[in-house]
Amino acid sequence: MPTDPLARGAAIDYLRRIGTSGGSGPDVPAAVHRTFREQTGMSFSRWRYAARMRIARDMLAGFAKPSAVARRLGYAHLPTFSSAFTRFHGLSPRDYQERETRRP
């Protein structure tokens, strides 16, 4: 999370809107985009993608069904979510969940 108040506010606003019809949120000023890159090493859009994939990971570890996770994060189609998750984590949602359930 960035420490700059405007950038942090944009991040929190985005997190609150995930999975809603306003999920992408309003446009953010260029200064916020610059601050995100400076403080997180990622563009705002990359940070949003990473945030969604981390939330997905946590939900899957909590035994949520992949289809429910996809819907909650605003993906209209499970295969689209599955592809994004696999690209980010290197495992499919189901493989990740199976690996997590085997841990003691």
N, C-alpha and C. Protein backbone atom coordinates (compact mmCIF):
# COMPACT_ATOMS: atom_id res chain seq x y z
N MET A 1 0.85 -1.18 0.00
CA MET A 1 0.00 0.00 0.00
C MET A 1 0.89 1.24 0.00
N PRO A 2 0.52 2.21 -0.79
CA PRO A 2 1.27 3.46 -0.76
C PRO A 2 0.99 4.21 0.54
N THR A 3 1.91 5.08 0.92
CA THR A 3 1.72 5.87 2.14
C THR A 3 1.14 7.24 1.85
N ASP A 4 1.28 7.71 0.62
CA ASP A 4 0.71 9.00 0.25
C ASP A 4 -0.80 8.96 0.46
N PRO A 5 -1.38 9.98 1.14
CA PRO A 5 -2.81 9.95 1.44
C PRO A 5 -3.72 9.83 0.21
N LEU A 6 -3.42 10.52 -0.88
CA LEU A 6 -4.27 10.42 -2.07
C LEU A 6 -4.17 9.05 -2.72
N ALA A 7 -2.96 8.54 -2.83
CA ALA A 7 -2.76 7.22 -3.43
C ALA A 7 -3.37 6.13 -2.55
N ARG A 8 -3.18 6.25 -1.25
CA ARG A 8 -3.75 5.28 -0.32
C ARG A 8 -5.28 5.31 -0.40
N GLY A 9 -5.83 6.51 -0.49
CA GLY A 9 -7.29 6.65 -0.62
C GLY A 9 -7.81 6.00 -1.88
N ALA A 10 -7.08 6.17 -2.99
CA ALA A 10 -7.47 5.53 -4.25
C ALA A 10 -7.42 4.01 -4.11
N ALA A 11 -6.41 3.51 -3.41
CA ALA A 11 -6.27 2.06 -3.22
C ALA A 11 -7.42 1.52 -2.37
N ILE A 12 -7.72 2.19 -1.28
CA ILE A 12 -8.80 1.74 -0.40
C ILE A 12 -10.14 1.80 -1.13
N ASP A 13 -10.34 2.87 -1.88
CA ASP A 13 -11.57 2.99 -2.66
C ASP A 13 -11.69 1.84 -3.64
N TYR A 14 -10.61 1.50 -4.31
CA TYR A 14 -10.63 0.38 -5.25
C TYR A 14 -10.97 -0.92 -4.53
N LEU A 15 -10.33 -1.17 -3.40
CA LEU A 15 -10.56 -2.41 -2.67
C LEU A 15 -12.01 -2.52 -2.21
N ARG A 16 -12.60 -1.42 -1.82
CA ARG A 16 -14.01 -1.42 -1.40
C ARG A 16 -14.95 -1.73 -2.55
N ARG A 17 -14.55 -1.38 -3.77
CA ARG A 17 -15.42 -1.53 -4.93
C ARG A 17 -15.23 -2.84 -5.69
N ILE A 18 -14.27 -3.65 -5.33
CA ILE A 18 -14.02 -4.90 -6.06
C ILE A 18 -15.30 -5.73 -6.09
N GLY A 19 -15.64 -6.17 -7.28
CA GLY A 19 -16.79 -7.04 -7.46
C GLY A 19 -18.11 -6.31 -7.58
N THR A 20 -18.10 -4.99 -7.49
CA THR A 20 -19.34 -4.22 -7.67
C THR A 20 -19.37 -3.68 -9.09
N SER A 21 -20.51 -3.15 -9.46
CA SER A 21 -20.61 -2.60 -10.81
C SER A 21 -19.67 -1.42 -11.00
N GLY A 22 -19.29 -0.76 -9.92
CA GLY A 22 -18.33 0.34 -10.01
C GLY A 22 -16.93 -0.11 -9.66
N GLY A 23 -16.64 -1.39 -9.90
CA GLY A 23 -15.39 -2.00 -9.47
C GLY A 23 -14.12 -1.35 -9.95
N SER A 24 -14.16 -0.75 -11.13
CA SER A 24 -12.93 -0.12 -11.61
C SER A 24 -12.72 1.22 -10.94
N GLY A 25 -13.80 1.78 -10.38
CA GLY A 25 -13.69 3.05 -9.67
C GLY A 25 -13.51 4.21 -10.61
N PRO A 26 -13.50 5.40 -10.04
CA PRO A 26 -13.33 6.59 -10.87
C PRO A 26 -11.90 6.70 -11.37
N ASP A 27 -11.73 7.52 -12.40
CA ASP A 27 -10.38 7.78 -12.89
C ASP A 27 -9.59 8.47 -11.78
N VAL A 28 -8.33 8.13 -11.70
CA VAL A 28 -7.48 8.77 -10.69
C VAL A 28 -6.51 9.71 -11.39
N PRO A 29 -6.14 10.77 -10.70
CA PRO A 29 -5.23 11.75 -11.30
C PRO A 29 -3.86 11.15 -11.62
N ALA A 30 -3.18 11.76 -12.57
CA ALA A 30 -1.85 11.30 -12.98
C ALA A 30 -0.89 11.28 -11.80
N ALA A 31 -1.05 12.22 -10.87
CA ALA A 31 -0.17 12.27 -9.70
C ALA A 31 -0.29 10.99 -8.87
N VAL A 32 -1.49 10.44 -8.79
CA VAL A 32 -1.69 9.20 -8.04
C VAL A 32 -0.98 8.05 -8.76
N HIS A 33 -1.07 8.01 -10.08
CA HIS A 33 -0.37 6.98 -10.83
C HIS A 33 1.15 7.07 -10.60
N ARG A 34 1.68 8.27 -10.63
CA ARG A 34 3.12 8.45 -10.39
C ARG A 34 3.49 8.00 -8.98
N THR A 35 2.68 8.39 -8.01
CA THR A 35 2.95 8.03 -6.62
C THR A 35 2.92 6.52 -6.43
N PHE A 36 1.97 5.86 -7.06
CA PHE A 36 1.92 4.39 -6.97
C PHE A 36 3.21 3.78 -7.47
N ARG A 37 3.67 4.24 -8.61
CA ARG A 37 4.91 3.68 -9.17
C ARG A 37 6.08 3.94 -8.23
N GLU A 38 6.16 5.15 -7.70
CA GLU A 38 7.26 5.51 -6.80
C GLU A 38 7.23 4.72 -5.49
N GLN A 39 6.04 4.55 -4.92
CA GLN A 39 5.95 3.96 -3.59
C GLN A 39 5.75 2.45 -3.58
N THR A 40 5.24 1.88 -4.66
CA THR A 40 5.01 0.43 -4.66
C THR A 40 5.85 -0.30 -5.70
N GLY A 41 6.43 0.46 -6.64
CA GLY A 41 7.17 -0.17 -7.72
C GLY A 41 6.27 -0.73 -8.81
N MET A 42 4.97 -0.45 -8.71
CA MET A 42 4.00 -0.94 -9.69
C MET A 42 3.13 0.22 -10.16
N SER A 43 2.63 0.09 -11.38
CA SER A 43 1.62 1.04 -11.83
C SER A 43 0.34 0.77 -11.04
N PHE A 44 -0.55 1.74 -11.04
CA PHE A 44 -1.82 1.56 -10.34
C PHE A 44 -2.59 0.37 -10.91
N SER A 45 -2.61 0.21 -12.22
CA SER A 45 -3.35 -0.92 -12.80
C SER A 45 -2.71 -2.25 -12.42
N ARG A 46 -1.38 -2.31 -12.39
CA ARG A 46 -0.70 -3.55 -11.97
C ARG A 46 -0.98 -3.84 -10.50
N TRP A 47 -0.99 -2.80 -9.67
CA TRP A 47 -1.30 -2.96 -8.25
C TRP A 47 -2.71 -3.50 -8.07
N ARG A 48 -3.68 -2.97 -8.85
CA ARG A 48 -5.06 -3.45 -8.75
C ARG A 48 -5.15 -4.93 -9.11
N TYR A 49 -4.46 -5.34 -10.16
CA TYR A 49 -4.44 -6.74 -10.57
C TYR A 49 -3.83 -7.60 -9.46
N ALA A 50 -2.70 -7.16 -8.92
CA ALA A 50 -2.05 -7.91 -7.85
C ALA A 50 -2.94 -8.01 -6.62
N ALA A 51 -3.63 -6.93 -6.28
CA ALA A 51 -4.53 -6.94 -5.13
C ALA A 51 -5.64 -7.97 -5.34
N ARG A 52 -6.23 -7.98 -6.52
CA ARG A 52 -7.29 -8.96 -6.80
C ARG A 52 -6.77 -10.39 -6.70
N MET A 53 -5.57 -10.63 -7.20
CA MET A 53 -5.03 -11.99 -7.16
C MET A 53 -4.66 -12.41 -5.73
N ARG A 54 -4.25 -11.48 -4.91
CA ARG A 54 -3.96 -11.81 -3.51
C ARG A 54 -5.23 -12.09 -2.74
N ILE A 55 -6.27 -11.33 -3.01
CA ILE A 55 -7.56 -11.59 -2.39
C ILE A 55 -8.08 -12.95 -2.83
N ALA A 56 -7.93 -13.25 -4.11
CA ALA A 56 -8.35 -14.56 -4.63
C ALA A 56 -7.60 -15.68 -3.92
N ARG A 57 -6.30 -15.51 -3.76
CA ARG A 57 -5.49 -16.52 -3.08
C ARG A 57 -6.00 -16.76 -1.66
N ASP A 58 -6.28 -15.67 -0.95
CA ASP A 58 -6.76 -15.81 0.43
C ASP A 58 -8.13 -16.47 0.50
N MET A 59 -9.00 -16.13 -0.44
CA MET A 59 -10.33 -16.75 -0.46
C MET A 59 -10.24 -18.23 -0.78
N LEU A 60 -9.38 -18.59 -1.73
CA LEU A 60 -9.21 -20.00 -2.07
C LEU A 60 -8.62 -20.78 -0.91
N ALA A 61 -7.68 -20.18 -0.19
CA ALA A 61 -7.09 -20.84 0.98
C ALA A 61 -8.13 -21.03 2.07
N GLY A 62 -9.16 -20.18 2.05
CA GLY A 62 -10.26 -20.30 3.01
C GLY A 62 -11.38 -21.21 2.52
N PHE A 63 -11.10 -22.00 1.49
CA PHE A 63 -12.00 -23.03 0.96
C PHE A 63 -13.18 -22.50 0.15
N ALA A 64 -13.10 -21.28 -0.33
CA ALA A 64 -14.15 -20.77 -1.22
C ALA A 64 -14.02 -21.47 -2.58
N LYS A 65 -15.13 -21.71 -3.22
CA LYS A 65 -15.10 -22.33 -4.55
C LYS A 65 -14.53 -21.34 -5.55
N PRO A 66 -13.73 -21.82 -6.50
CA PRO A 66 -13.18 -20.92 -7.52
C PRO A 66 -14.24 -20.09 -8.23
N SER A 67 -15.39 -20.68 -8.52
CA SER A 67 -16.44 -19.92 -9.21
C SER A 67 -16.96 -18.79 -8.33
N ALA A 68 -17.06 -19.01 -7.02
CA ALA A 68 -17.51 -17.96 -6.10
C ALA A 68 -16.46 -16.86 -6.00
N VAL A 69 -15.20 -17.25 -5.98
CA VAL A 69 -14.11 -16.26 -5.93
C VAL A 69 -14.14 -15.40 -7.19
N ALA A 70 -14.29 -16.04 -8.32
CA ALA A 70 -14.34 -15.31 -9.59
C ALA A 70 -15.46 -14.28 -9.58
N ARG A 71 -16.65 -14.70 -9.16
CA ARG A 71 -17.79 -13.76 -9.11
C ARG A 71 -17.53 -12.63 -8.13
N ARG A 72 -17.01 -12.95 -6.97
CA ARG A 72 -16.76 -11.94 -5.93
C ARG A 72 -15.77 -10.88 -6.41
N LEU A 73 -14.81 -11.29 -7.23
CA LEU A 73 -13.79 -10.36 -7.71
C LEU A 73 -14.17 -9.69 -9.03
N GLY A 74 -15.38 -9.94 -9.49
CA GLY A 74 -15.87 -9.23 -10.66
C GLY A 74 -15.59 -9.89 -11.99
N TYR A 75 -15.17 -11.14 -11.99
CA TYR A 75 -14.95 -11.85 -13.25
C TYR A 75 -16.27 -12.47 -13.69
N ALA A 76 -16.67 -12.21 -14.91
CA ALA A 76 -17.92 -12.74 -15.43
C ALA A 76 -17.81 -14.22 -15.79
N HIS A 77 -16.59 -14.68 -16.08
CA HIS A 77 -16.40 -16.06 -16.52
C HIS A 77 -15.26 -16.71 -15.74
N LEU A 78 -15.52 -17.91 -15.25
CA LEU A 78 -14.51 -18.65 -14.50
C LEU A 78 -13.21 -18.86 -15.29
N PRO A 79 -13.27 -19.22 -16.59
CA PRO A 79 -12.01 -19.42 -17.32
C PRO A 79 -11.14 -18.15 -17.37
N THR A 80 -11.75 -16.99 -17.44
CA THR A 80 -10.99 -15.74 -17.46
C THR A 80 -10.28 -15.54 -16.13
N PHE A 81 -11.01 -15.77 -15.04
CA PHE A 81 -10.40 -15.68 -13.72
C PHE A 81 -9.28 -16.71 -13.57
N SER A 82 -9.55 -17.93 -13.98
CA SER A 82 -8.58 -19.01 -13.84
C SER A 82 -7.29 -18.68 -14.59
N SER A 83 -7.41 -18.14 -15.78
CA SER A 83 -6.23 -17.75 -16.57
C SER A 83 -5.44 -16.66 -15.87
N ALA A 84 -6.14 -15.66 -15.35
CA ALA A 84 -5.46 -14.55 -14.66
C ALA A 84 -4.77 -15.07 -13.40
N PHE A 85 -5.44 -15.91 -12.64
CA PHE A 85 -4.86 -16.45 -11.41
C PHE A 85 -3.62 -17.29 -11.72
N THR A 86 -3.72 -18.12 -12.74
CA THR A 86 -2.60 -18.98 -13.13
C THR A 86 -1.41 -18.15 -13.58
N ARG A 87 -1.66 -17.10 -14.36
CA ARG A 87 -0.56 -16.22 -14.80
C ARG A 87 0.13 -15.59 -13.59
N PHE A 88 -0.63 -15.17 -12.61
CA PHE A 88 -0.06 -14.46 -11.46
C PHE A 88 0.63 -15.41 -10.48
N HIS A 89 -0.02 -16.52 -10.16
CA HIS A 89 0.49 -17.41 -9.11
C HIS A 89 1.24 -18.64 -9.62
N GLY A 90 1.12 -18.93 -10.91
CA GLY A 90 1.81 -20.10 -11.45
C GLY A 90 1.09 -21.42 -11.20
N LEU A 91 -0.08 -21.36 -10.62
CA LEU A 91 -0.92 -22.53 -10.39
C LEU A 91 -2.36 -22.16 -10.71
N SER A 92 -3.14 -23.13 -11.15
CA SER A 92 -4.56 -22.85 -11.36
C SER A 92 -5.22 -22.67 -10.00
N PRO A 93 -6.37 -22.04 -9.94
CA PRO A 93 -7.06 -21.89 -8.65
C PRO A 93 -7.29 -23.23 -7.96
N ARG A 94 -7.71 -24.22 -8.72
CA ARG A 94 -7.98 -25.54 -8.12
C ARG A 94 -6.69 -26.17 -7.60
N ASP A 95 -5.61 -26.09 -8.38
CA ASP A 95 -4.32 -26.65 -7.92
C ASP A 95 -3.83 -25.92 -6.68
N TYR A 96 -3.98 -24.61 -6.65
CA TYR A 96 -3.57 -23.83 -5.48
C TYR A 96 -4.38 -24.27 -4.26
N GLN A 97 -5.67 -24.41 -4.43
CA GLN A 97 -6.53 -24.80 -3.32
C GLN A 97 -6.18 -26.20 -2.82
N GLU A 98 -5.94 -27.11 -3.74
CA GLU A 98 -5.56 -28.47 -3.34
C GLU A 98 -4.24 -28.46 -2.58
N ARG A 99 -3.27 -27.67 -3.04
CA ARG A 99 -1.99 -27.57 -2.34
C ARG A 99 -2.18 -27.01 -0.93
N GLU A 100 -3.03 -26.02 -0.80
CA GLU A 100 -3.26 -25.40 0.51
C GLU A 100 -3.97 -26.34 1.48
N THR A 101 -4.87 -27.17 0.98
CA THR A 101 -5.60 -28.06 1.87
C THR A 101 -4.74 -29.23 2.36
N ARG A 102 -3.63 -29.47 1.67
CA ARG A 102 -2.72 -30.54 2.11
C ARG A 102 -1.76 -30.07 3.18
N ARG A 103 -1.66 -28.78 3.37
CA ARG A 103 -0.73 -28.26 4.39
C ARG A 103 -1.26 -28.55 5.78
N PRO A 104 -0.33 -28.87 6.69
CA PRO A 104 -0.77 -29.19 8.08
C PRO A 104 -1.30 -27.98 8.81
